[in-house]
């Protein structure tokens, strides 16, 4: 059974502070990888937070080890452009009806 998790990622040691996100090394490979996770339904929502120093993903997974395993395959994880993810189980207590959104 899949559970929702909130995953936050921060910039890693290889992040080039002089370049915007889409100009980082391996941007195309990272984007292709993340788009694949979204297409598979693993990533439900995702994107940068605030000033872009962090990114947040809502992930549907069996457990934290599945998340660690999949995100370890991200080219940006392997090269250190993103740091190791922080993972928290998410218990949803409130949800707007589709008519309200």
PDB file of N, CA and C in Angstrom:
ATOM      1  N   UNK A   1       0.834  -1.178   0.000  1.00  0.00           N
ATOM      2  CA  UNK A   1       0.000   0.000   0.000  1.00  0.00           C
ATOM      3  C   UNK A   1       0.885   1.250   0.000  1.00  0.00           C
ATOM      4  N   UNK A   2       0.545   2.205  -0.830  1.00  0.00           N
ATOM      5  CA  UNK A   2       1.318   3.437  -0.953  1.00  0.00           C
ATOM      6  C   UNK A   2       0.887   4.429   0.131  1.00  0.00           C
ATOM      7  N   UNK A   3       1.861   5.157   0.634  1.00  0.00           N
ATOM      8  CA  UNK A   3       1.667   6.204   1.626  1.00  0.00           C
ATOM      9  C   UNK A   3       2.251   7.480   1.045  1.00  0.00           C
ATOM     10  N   UNK A   4       1.715   8.620   1.444  1.00  0.00           N
ATOM     11  CA  UNK A   4       2.291   9.879   0.994  1.00  0.00           C
ATOM     12  C   UNK A   4       3.391  10.334   1.941  1.00  0.00           C
ATOM     13  N   UNK A   5       4.442  10.870   1.352  1.00  0.00           N
ATOM     14  CA  UNK A   5       5.578  11.409   2.086  1.00  0.00           C
ATOM     15  C   UNK A   5       5.887  12.798   1.533  1.00  0.00           C
ATOM     16  N   UNK A   6       6.395  13.665   2.394  1.00  0.00           N
ATOM     17  CA  UNK A   6       6.931  14.954   1.966  1.00  0.00           C
ATOM     18  C   UNK A   6       8.451  14.812   1.996  1.00  0.00           C
ATOM     19  N   UNK A   7       9.055  15.126   0.875  1.00  0.00           N
ATOM     20  CA  UNK A   7      10.504  15.010   0.726  1.00  0.00           C
ATOM     21  C   UNK A   7      11.042  16.405   0.431  1.00  0.00           C
ATOM     22  N   UNK A   8      12.028  16.831   1.206  1.00  0.00           N
ATOM     23  CA  UNK A   8      12.679  18.105   0.907  1.00  0.00           C
ATOM     24  C   UNK A   8      14.116  17.838   0.492  1.00  0.00           C
ATOM     25  N   UNK A   9      14.534  18.594  -0.502  1.00  0.00           N
ATOM     26  CA  UNK A   9      15.904  18.497  -1.013  1.00  0.00           C
ATOM     27  C   UNK A   9      16.542  19.866  -0.903  1.00  0.00           C
ATOM     28  N   UNK A  10      17.802  19.916  -0.558  1.00  0.00           N
ATOM     29  CA  UNK A  10      18.552  21.163  -0.504  1.00  0.00           C
ATOM     30  C   UNK A  10      19.718  21.077  -1.481  1.00  0.00           C
ATOM     31  N   UNK A  11      20.278  22.215  -1.765  1.00  0.00           N
ATOM     32  CA  UNK A  11      21.428  22.271  -2.667  1.00  0.00           C
ATOM     33  C   UNK A  11      22.605  21.539  -2.040  1.00  0.00           C
ATOM     34  N   UNK A  12      23.304  20.781  -2.863  1.00  0.00           N
ATOM     35  CA  UNK A  12      24.463  20.034  -2.407  1.00  0.00           C
ATOM     36  C   UNK A  12      25.768  20.783  -2.660  1.00  0.00           C
ATOM     37  N   UNK A  13      26.866  20.128  -2.346  1.00  0.00           N
ATOM     38  CA  UNK A  13      28.195  20.739  -2.472  1.00  0.00           C
ATOM     39  C   UNK A  13      28.557  21.086  -3.909  1.00  0.00           C
ATOM     40  N   UNK A  14      27.964  20.417  -4.884  1.00  0.00           N
ATOM     41  CA  UNK A  14      28.302  20.663  -6.292  1.00  0.00           C
ATOM     42  C   UNK A  14      27.384  21.693  -6.960  1.00  0.00           C
ATOM     43  N   UNK A  15      26.427  22.252  -6.206  1.00  0.00           N
ATOM     44  CA  UNK A  15      25.548  23.278  -6.770  1.00  0.00           C
ATOM     45  C   UNK A  15      26.387  24.496  -7.141  1.00  0.00           C
ATOM     46  N   UNK A  16      26.202  25.018  -8.334  1.00  0.00           N
ATOM     47  CA  UNK A  16      26.918  26.211  -8.784  1.00  0.00           C
ATOM     48  C   UNK A  16      26.052  27.425  -8.488  1.00  0.00           C
ATOM     49  N   UNK A  17      26.389  28.153  -7.426  1.00  0.00           N
ATOM     50  CA  UNK A  17      25.588  29.299  -6.982  1.00  0.00           C
ATOM     51  C   UNK A  17      25.523  30.404  -8.026  1.00  0.00           C
ATOM     52  N   UNK A  18      26.421  30.397  -8.994  1.00  0.00           N
ATOM     53  CA  UNK A  18      26.427  31.416 -10.041  1.00  0.00           C
ATOM     54  C   UNK A  18      25.458  31.142 -11.175  1.00  0.00           C
ATOM     55  N   UNK A  19      24.805  29.980 -11.148  1.00  0.00           N
ATOM     56  CA  UNK A  19      23.887  29.604 -12.225  1.00  0.00           C
ATOM     57  C   UNK A  19      22.489  29.340 -11.694  1.00  0.00           C
ATOM     58  N   UNK A  20      21.460  29.736 -12.468  1.00  0.00           N
ATOM     59  CA  UNK A  20      20.088  29.386 -12.083  1.00  0.00           C
ATOM     60  C   UNK A  20      19.859  27.882 -12.245  1.00  0.00           C
ATOM     61  N   UNK A  21      18.743  27.408 -11.728  1.00  0.00           N
ATOM     62  CA  UNK A  21      18.459  25.970 -11.686  1.00  0.00           C
ATOM     63  C   UNK A  21      18.579  25.306 -13.059  1.00  0.00           C
ATOM     64  N   UNK A  22      18.031  25.911 -14.090  1.00  0.00           N
ATOM     65  CA  UNK A  22      18.034  25.285 -15.412  1.00  0.00           C
ATOM     66  C   UNK A  22      19.383  25.360 -16.114  1.00  0.00           C
ATOM     67  N   UNK A  23      20.346  26.039 -15.493  1.00  0.00           N
ATOM     68  CA  UNK A  23      21.705  26.120 -16.048  1.00  0.00           C
ATOM     69  C   UNK A  23      22.699  25.282 -15.245  1.00  0.00           C
ATOM     70  N   UNK A  24      22.217  24.533 -14.254  1.00  0.00           N
ATOM     71  CA  UNK A  24      23.096  23.650 -13.489  1.00  0.00           C
ATOM     72  C   UNK A  24      23.561  22.494 -14.379  1.00  0.00           C
ATOM     73  N   UNK A  25      24.733  21.944 -14.074  1.00  0.00           N
ATOM     74  CA  UNK A  25      25.197  20.751 -14.787  1.00  0.00           C
ATOM     75  C   UNK A  25      24.143  19.659 -14.688  1.00  0.00           C
ATOM     76  N   UNK A  26      23.998  18.902 -15.741  1.00  0.00           N
ATOM     77  CA  UNK A  26      23.091  17.756 -15.813  1.00  0.00           C
ATOM     78  C   UNK A  26      21.618  18.126 -15.647  1.00  0.00           C
ATOM     79  N   UNK A  27      21.252  19.374 -15.955  1.00  0.00           N
ATOM     80  CA  UNK A  27      19.847  19.773 -15.831  1.00  0.00           C
ATOM     81  C   UNK A  27      18.946  18.871 -16.669  1.00  0.00           C
ATOM     82  N   UNK A  28      19.290  18.644 -17.920  1.00  0.00           N
ATOM     83  CA  UNK A  28      18.428  17.852 -18.810  1.00  0.00           C
ATOM     84  C   UNK A  28      18.237  16.439 -18.271  1.00  0.00           C
ATOM     85  N   UNK A  29      19.316  15.840 -17.774  1.00  0.00           N
ATOM     86  CA  UNK A  29      19.227  14.475 -17.239  1.00  0.00           C
ATOM     87  C   UNK A  29      18.376  14.441 -15.966  1.00  0.00           C
ATOM     88  N   UNK A  30      18.558  15.429 -15.105  1.00  0.00           N
ATOM     89  CA  UNK A  30      17.766  15.508 -13.874  1.00  0.00           C
ATOM     90  C   UNK A  30      16.289  15.702 -14.211  1.00  0.00           C
ATOM     91  N   UNK A  31      15.992  16.621 -15.124  1.00  0.00           N
ATOM     92  CA  UNK A  31      14.600  16.892 -15.503  1.00  0.00           C
ATOM     93  C   UNK A  31      13.950  15.651 -16.113  1.00  0.00           C
ATOM     94  N   UNK A  32      14.663  14.947 -16.962  1.00  0.00           N
ATOM     95  CA  UNK A  32      14.130  13.723 -17.565  1.00  0.00           C
ATOM     96  C   UNK A  32      13.843  12.681 -16.490  1.00  0.00           C
ATOM     97  N   UNK A  33      14.763  12.524 -15.551  1.00  0.00           N
ATOM     98  CA  UNK A  33      14.589  11.566 -14.460  1.00  0.00           C
ATOM     99  C   UNK A  33      13.357  11.919 -13.621  1.00  0.00           C
ATOM    100  N   UNK A  34      13.247  13.190 -13.214  1.00  0.00           N
ATOM    101  CA  UNK A  34      12.124  13.608 -12.370  1.00  0.00           C
ATOM    102  C   UNK A  34      10.798  13.517 -13.117  1.00  0.00           C
ATOM    103  N   UNK A  35      10.785  13.880 -14.392  1.00  0.00           N
ATOM    104  CA  UNK A  35       9.563  13.751 -15.192  1.00  0.00           C
ATOM    105  C   UNK A  35       9.109  12.299 -15.268  1.00  0.00           C
ATOM    106  N   UNK A  36      10.064  11.377 -15.341  1.00  0.00           N
ATOM    107  CA  UNK A  36       9.736   9.959 -15.343  1.00  0.00           C
ATOM    108  C   UNK A  36       9.101   9.520 -14.030  1.00  0.00           C
ATOM    109  N   UNK A  37       9.616  10.016 -12.908  1.00  0.00           N
ATOM    110  CA  UNK A  37       9.033   9.688 -11.602  1.00  0.00           C
ATOM    111  C   UNK A  37       7.610  10.221 -11.491  1.00  0.00           C
ATOM    112  N   UNK A  38       7.362  11.401 -12.060  1.00  0.00           N
ATOM    113  CA  UNK A  38       6.011  11.963 -12.046  1.00  0.00           C
ATOM    114  C   UNK A  38       5.084  11.154 -12.956  1.00  0.00           C
ATOM    115  N   UNK A  39       5.574  10.785 -14.124  1.00  0.00           N
ATOM    116  CA  UNK A  39       4.761   9.999 -15.057  1.00  0.00           C
ATOM    117  C   UNK A  39       4.372   8.647 -14.466  1.00  0.00           C
ATOM    118  N   UNK A  40       5.263   8.091 -13.633  1.00  0.00           N
ATOM    119  CA  UNK A  40       4.989   6.805 -12.986  1.00  0.00           C
ATOM    120  C   UNK A  40       4.080   6.931 -11.769  1.00  0.00           C
ATOM    121  N   UNK A  41       3.761   8.174 -11.353  1.00  0.00           N
ATOM    122  CA  UNK A  41       2.920   8.385 -10.184  1.00  0.00           C
ATOM    123  C   UNK A  41       3.677   8.353  -8.867  1.00  0.00           C
ATOM    124  N   UNK A  42       4.987   8.200  -8.922  1.00  0.00           N
ATOM    125  CA  UNK A  42       5.802   8.199  -7.706  1.00  0.00           C
ATOM    126  C   UNK A  42       5.854   9.606  -7.118  1.00  0.00           C
ATOM    127  N   UNK A  43       6.162  10.602  -7.953  1.00  0.00           N
ATOM    128  CA  UNK A  43       6.111  12.001  -7.525  1.00  0.00           C
ATOM    129  C   UNK A  43       4.722  12.524  -7.872  1.00  0.00           C
ATOM    130  N   UNK A  44       3.989  12.958  -6.840  1.00  0.00           N
ATOM    131  CA  UNK A  44       2.632  13.478  -7.013  1.00  0.00           C
ATOM    132  C   UNK A  44       2.676  14.975  -7.304  1.00  0.00           C
ATOM    133  N   UNK A  45       3.516  15.695  -6.585  1.00  0.00           N
ATOM    134  CA  UNK A  45       3.732  17.133  -6.760  1.00  0.00           C
ATOM    135  C   UNK A  45       5.200  17.422  -6.498  1.00  0.00           C
ATOM    136  N   UNK A  46       5.733  18.471  -7.104  1.00  0.00           N
ATOM    137  CA  UNK A  46       7.114  18.816  -6.806  1.00  0.00           C
ATOM    138  C   UNK A  46       7.518  20.147  -7.384  1.00  0.00           C
ATOM    139  N   UNK A  47       8.502  20.776  -6.731  1.00  0.00           N
ATOM    140  CA  UNK A  47       9.041  22.023  -7.240  1.00  0.00           C
ATOM    141  C   UNK A  47       9.803  22.776  -6.177  1.00  0.00           C
ATOM    142  N   UNK A  48      10.477  23.855  -6.600  1.00  0.00           N
ATOM    143  CA  UNK A  48      11.264  24.658  -5.669  1.00  0.00           C
ATOM    144  C   UNK A  48      10.374  25.378  -4.657  1.00  0.00           C
ATOM    145  N   UNK A  49      10.926  25.622  -3.480  1.00  0.00           N
ATOM    146  CA  UNK A  49      10.256  26.393  -2.438  1.00  0.00           C
ATOM    147  C   UNK A  49      10.900  27.764  -2.328  1.00  0.00           C
ATOM    148  N   UNK A  50      10.105  28.770  -2.070  1.00  0.00           N
ATOM    149  CA  UNK A  50      10.615  30.119  -1.794  1.00  0.00           C
ATOM    150  C   UNK A  50      11.644  30.595  -2.788  1.00  0.00           C
ATOM    151  N   UNK A  51      12.835  30.881  -2.289  1.00  0.00           N
ATOM    152  CA  UNK A  51      13.905  31.425  -3.122  1.00  0.00           C
ATOM    153  C   UNK A  51      14.645  30.362  -3.921  1.00  0.00           C
ATOM    154  N   UNK A  52      14.210  29.116  -3.844  1.00  0.00           N
ATOM    155  CA  UNK A  52      14.813  28.046  -4.637  1.00  0.00           C
ATOM    156  C   UNK A  52      15.952  27.310  -3.964  1.00  0.00           C
ATOM    157  N   UNK A  53      16.255  27.639  -2.718  1.00  0.00           N
ATOM    158  CA  UNK A  53      17.320  26.919  -2.019  1.00  0.00           C
ATOM    159  C   UNK A  53      16.884  25.533  -1.577  1.00  0.00           C
ATOM    160  N   UNK A  54      15.577  25.299  -1.579  1.00  0.00           N
ATOM    161  CA  UNK A  54      15.018  23.988  -1.246  1.00  0.00           C
ATOM    162  C   UNK A  54      13.984  23.616  -2.296  1.00  0.00           C
ATOM    163  N   UNK A  55      13.771  22.325  -2.435  1.00  0.00           N
ATOM    164  CA  UNK A  55      12.688  21.825  -3.274  1.00  0.00           C
ATOM    165  C   UNK A  55      11.868  20.858  -2.437  1.00  0.00           C
ATOM    166  N   UNK A  56      10.584  20.761  -2.748  1.00  0.00           N
ATOM    167  CA  UNK A  56       9.708  19.844  -2.035  1.00  0.00           C
ATOM    168  C   UNK A  56       9.036  18.908  -3.028  1.00  0.00           C
ATOM    169  N   UNK A  57       8.953  17.656  -2.640  1.00  0.00           N
ATOM    170  CA  UNK A  57       8.233  16.648  -3.411  1.00  0.00           C
ATOM    171  C   UNK A  57       7.182  16.021  -2.515  1.00  0.00           C
ATOM    172  N   UNK A  58       6.022  15.747  -3.064  1.00  0.00           N
ATOM    173  CA  UNK A  58       5.051  14.874  -2.413  1.00  0.00           C
ATOM    174  C   UNK A  58       5.156  13.562  -3.180  1.00  0.00           C
ATOM    175  N   UNK A  59       5.469  12.499  -2.435  1.00  0.00           N
ATOM    176  CA  UNK A  59       5.791  11.219  -3.043  1.00  0.00           C
ATOM    177  C   UNK A  59       4.837  10.147  -2.534  1.00  0.00           C
ATOM    178  N   UNK A  60       4.388   9.272  -3.419  1.00  0.00           N
ATOM    179  CA  UNK A  60       3.592   8.103  -3.050  1.00  0.00           C
ATOM    180  C   UNK A  60       4.516   6.888  -3.099  1.00  0.00           C
ATOM    181  N   UNK A  61       4.790   6.311  -1.933  1.00  0.00           N
ATOM    182  CA  UNK A  61       5.747   5.201  -1.860  1.00  0.00           C
ATOM    183  C   UNK A  61       5.336   4.234  -0.758  1.00  0.00           C
ATOM    184  N   UNK A  62       5.894   3.042  -0.805  1.00  0.00           N
ATOM    185  CA  UNK A  62       5.619   2.040   0.228  1.00  0.00           C
ATOM    186  C   UNK A  62       6.279   2.410   1.548  1.00  0.00           C
ATOM    187  N   UNK A  63       7.500   2.965   1.467  1.00  0.00           N
ATOM    188  CA  UNK A  63       8.237   3.306   2.680  1.00  0.00           C
ATOM    189  C   UNK A  63       9.411   4.216   2.327  1.00  0.00           C
ATOM    190  N   UNK A  64      10.127   4.658   3.362  1.00  0.00           N
ATOM    191  CA  UNK A  64      11.251   5.572   3.154  1.00  0.00           C
ATOM    192  C   UNK A  64      12.374   4.947   2.335  1.00  0.00           C
ATOM    193  N   UNK A  65      12.593   3.656   2.488  1.00  0.00           N
ATOM    194  CA  UNK A  65      13.688   3.021   1.748  1.00  0.00           C
ATOM    195  C   UNK A  65      13.428   3.044   0.238  1.00  0.00           C
ATOM    196  N   UNK A  66      12.169   2.941  -0.162  1.00  0.00           N
ATOM    197  CA  UNK A  66      11.846   3.040  -1.589  1.00  0.00           C
ATOM    198  C   UNK A  66      12.196   4.436  -2.103  1.00  0.00           C
ATOM    199  N   UNK A  67      11.907   5.449  -1.307  1.00  0.00           N
ATOM    200  CA  UNK A  67      12.221   6.831  -1.703  1.00  0.00           C
ATOM    201  C   UNK A  67      13.728   7.018  -1.809  1.00  0.00           C
ATOM    202  N   UNK A  68      14.453   6.579  -0.788  1.00  0.00           N
ATOM    203  CA  UNK A  68      15.919   6.696  -0.799  1.00  0.00           C
ATOM    204  C   UNK A  68      16.502   6.010  -2.034  1.00  0.00           C
ATOM    205  N   UNK A  69      16.020   4.818  -2.318  1.00  0.00           N
ATOM    206  CA  UNK A  69      16.529   4.037  -3.436  1.00  0.00           C
ATOM    207  C   UNK A  69      16.282   4.731  -4.776  1.00  0.00           C
ATOM    208  N   UNK A  70      15.048   5.207  -4.977  1.00  0.00           N
ATOM    209  CA  UNK A  70      14.725   5.864  -6.255  1.00  0.00           C
ATOM    210  C   UNK A  70      15.486   7.175  -6.416  1.00  0.00           C
ATOM    211  N   UNK A  71      15.510   8.014  -5.365  1.00  0.00           N
ATOM    212  CA  UNK A  71      16.163   9.311  -5.496  1.00  0.00           C
ATOM    213  C   UNK A  71      17.679   9.184  -5.606  1.00  0.00           C
ATOM    214  N   UNK A  72      18.248   8.095  -5.138  1.00  0.00           N
ATOM    215  CA  UNK A  72      19.685   7.858  -5.290  1.00  0.00           C
ATOM    216  C   UNK A  72      20.068   7.705  -6.764  1.00  0.00           C
ATOM    217  N   UNK A  73      19.090   7.378  -7.613  1.00  0.00           N
ATOM    218  CA  UNK A  73      19.336   7.225  -9.045  1.00  0.00           C
ATOM    219  C   UNK A  73      19.309   8.551  -9.808  1.00  0.00           C
ATOM    220  N   UNK A  74      18.873   9.620  -9.143  1.00  0.00           N
ATOM    221  CA  UNK A  74      18.825  10.945  -9.762  1.00  0.00           C
ATOM    222  C   UNK A  74      20.253  11.403 -10.064  1.00  0.00           C
ATOM    223  N   UNK A  75      20.529  11.826 -11.287  1.00  0.00           N
ATOM    224  CA  UNK A  75      21.878  12.325 -11.605  1.00  0.00           C
ATOM    225  C   UNK A  75      22.342  13.431 -10.659  1.00  0.00           C
ATOM    226  N   UNK A  76      21.436  14.262 -10.181  1.00  0.00           N
ATOM    227  CA  UNK A  76      21.816  15.325  -9.254  1.00  0.00           C
ATOM    228  C   UNK A  76      22.146  14.786  -7.872  1.00  0.00           C
ATOM    229  N   UNK A  77      21.601  13.651  -7.491  1.00  0.00           N
ATOM    230  CA  UNK A  77      21.996  13.010  -6.228  1.00  0.00           C
ATOM    231  C   UNK A  77      23.396  12.438  -6.372  1.00  0.00           C
ATOM    232  N   UNK A  78      23.636  11.766  -7.484  1.00  0.00           N
ATOM    233  CA  UNK A  78      24.905  11.093  -7.709  1.00  0.00           C
ATOM    234  C   UNK A  78      26.069  12.073  -7.825  1.00  0.00           C
ATOM    235  N   UNK A  79      25.816  13.265  -8.367  1.00  0.00           N
ATOM    236  CA  UNK A  79      26.892  14.242  -8.561  1.00  0.00           C
ATOM    237  C   UNK A  79      27.023  15.236  -7.417  1.00  0.00           C
ATOM    238  N   UNK A  80      26.113  15.203  -6.446  1.00  0.00           N
ATOM    239  CA  UNK A  80      26.184  16.121  -5.316  1.00  0.00           C
ATOM    240  C   UNK A  80      25.569  17.483  -5.567  1.00  0.00           C
ATOM    241  N   UNK A  81      24.839  17.636  -6.670  1.00  0.00           N
ATOM    242  CA  UNK A  81      24.158  18.905  -6.925  1.00  0.00           C
ATOM    243  C   UNK A  81      23.021  19.084  -5.921  1.00  0.00           C
ATOM    244  N   UNK A  82      22.382  17.982  -5.536  1.00  0.00           N
ATOM    245  CA  UNK A  82      21.396  17.994  -4.457  1.00  0.00           C
ATOM    246  C   UNK A  82      21.917  17.152  -3.305  1.00  0.00           C
ATOM    247  N   UNK A  83      21.638  17.604  -2.096  1.00  0.00           N
ATOM    248  CA  UNK A  83      22.015  16.862  -0.887  1.00  0.00           C
ATOM    249  C   UNK A  83      21.018  15.726  -0.646  1.00  0.00           C
ATOM    250  N   UNK A  84      21.350  14.867   0.297  1.00  0.00           N
ATOM    251  CA  UNK A  84      20.470  13.752   0.655  1.00  0.00           C
ATOM    252  C   UNK A  84      19.103  14.291   1.071  1.00  0.00           C
ATOM    253  N   UNK A  85      18.039  13.585   0.709  1.00  0.00           N
ATOM    254  CA  UNK A  85      16.697  14.076   1.010  1.00  0.00           C
ATOM    255  C   UNK A  85      16.313  13.927   2.482  1.00  0.00           C
ATOM    256  N   UNK A  86      15.465  14.845   2.945  1.00  0.00           N
ATOM    257  CA  UNK A  86      14.799  14.702   4.242  1.00  0.00           C
ATOM    258  C   UNK A  86      13.408  14.162   3.938  1.00  0.00           C
ATOM    259  N   UNK A  87      13.019  13.095   4.609  1.00  0.00           N
ATOM    260  CA  UNK A  87      11.775  12.397   4.286  1.00  0.00           C
ATOM    261  C   UNK A  87      10.889  12.326   5.527  1.00  0.00           C
ATOM    262  N   UNK A  88       9.617  12.708   5.354  1.00  0.00           N
ATOM    263  CA  UNK A  88       8.654  12.627   6.441  1.00  0.00           C
ATOM    264  C   UNK A  88       7.339  12.055   5.930  1.00  0.00           C
ATOM    265  N   UNK A  89       6.780  11.130   6.685  1.00  0.00           N
ATOM    266  CA  UNK A  89       5.455  10.581   6.364  1.00  0.00           C
ATOM    267  C   UNK A  89       4.440  11.699   6.544  1.00  0.00           C
ATOM    268  N   UNK A  90       3.440  11.760   5.653  1.00  0.00           N
ATOM    269  CA  UNK A  90       2.445  12.820   5.694  1.00  0.00           C
ATOM    270  C   UNK A  90       1.086  12.225   5.970  1.00  0.00           C
ATOM    271  N   UNK A  91       0.469  12.638   7.054  1.00  0.00           N
ATOM    272  CA  UNK A  91      -0.892  12.244   7.386  1.00  0.00           C
ATOM    273  C   UNK A  91      -1.802  13.405   6.999  1.00  0.00           C
ATOM    274  N   UNK A  92      -2.662  13.183   6.039  1.00  0.00           N
ATOM    275  CA  UNK A  92      -3.555  14.237   5.556  1.00  0.00           C
ATOM    276  C   UNK A  92      -4.830  14.214   6.390  1.00  0.00           C
ATOM    277  N   UNK A  93      -5.123  15.354   7.006  1.00  0.00           N
ATOM    278  CA  UNK A  93      -6.340  15.489   7.806  1.00  0.00           C
ATOM    279  C   UNK A  93      -7.354  16.412   7.152  1.00  0.00           C
ATOM    280  N   UNK A  94      -6.902  17.281   6.274  1.00  0.00           N
ATOM    281  CA  UNK A  94      -7.785  18.228   5.591  1.00  0.00           C
ATOM    282  C   UNK A  94      -7.590  18.123   4.095  1.00  0.00           C
ATOM    283  N   UNK A  95      -8.694  18.212   3.390  1.00  0.00           N
ATOM    284  CA  UNK A  95      -8.629  18.185   1.929  1.00  0.00           C
ATOM    285  C   UNK A  95      -9.822  18.950   1.379  1.00  0.00           C
ATOM    286  N   UNK A  96      -9.552  19.900   0.478  1.00  0.00           N
ATOM    287  CA  UNK A  96     -10.630  20.660  -0.161  1.00  0.00           C
ATOM    288  C   UNK A  96     -11.344  19.764  -1.159  1.00  0.00           C
ATOM    289  N   UNK A  97     -12.630  19.995  -1.308  1.00  0.00           N
ATOM    290  CA  UNK A  97     -13.347  19.264  -2.342  1.00  0.00           C
ATOM    291  C   UNK A  97     -12.892  19.793  -3.699  1.00  0.00           C
ATOM    292  N   UNK A  98     -13.056  19.011  -4.716  1.00  0.00           N
ATOM    293  CA  UNK A  98     -12.606  19.422  -6.056  1.00  0.00           C
ATOM    294  C   UNK A  98     -13.365  20.655  -6.537  1.00  0.00           C
ATOM    295  N   UNK A  99     -14.554  20.895  -6.008  1.00  0.00           N
ATOM    296  CA  UNK A  99     -15.334  22.076  -6.403  1.00  0.00           C
ATOM    297  C   UNK A  99     -14.735  23.349  -5.824  1.00  0.00           C
ATOM    298  N   UNK A 100     -13.986  23.236  -4.691  1.00  0.00           N
ATOM    299  CA  UNK A 100     -13.422  24.399  -4.036  1.00  0.00           C
ATOM    300  C   UNK A 100     -12.062  24.786  -4.598  1.00  0.00           C
ATOM    301  N   UNK A 101     -11.408  23.899  -5.292  1.00  0.00           N
ATOM    302  CA  UNK A 101     -10.045  24.154  -5.777  1.00  0.00           C
ATOM    303  C   UNK A 101     -10.081  24.829  -7.116  1.00  0.00           C
TER     304      UNK A 101
END
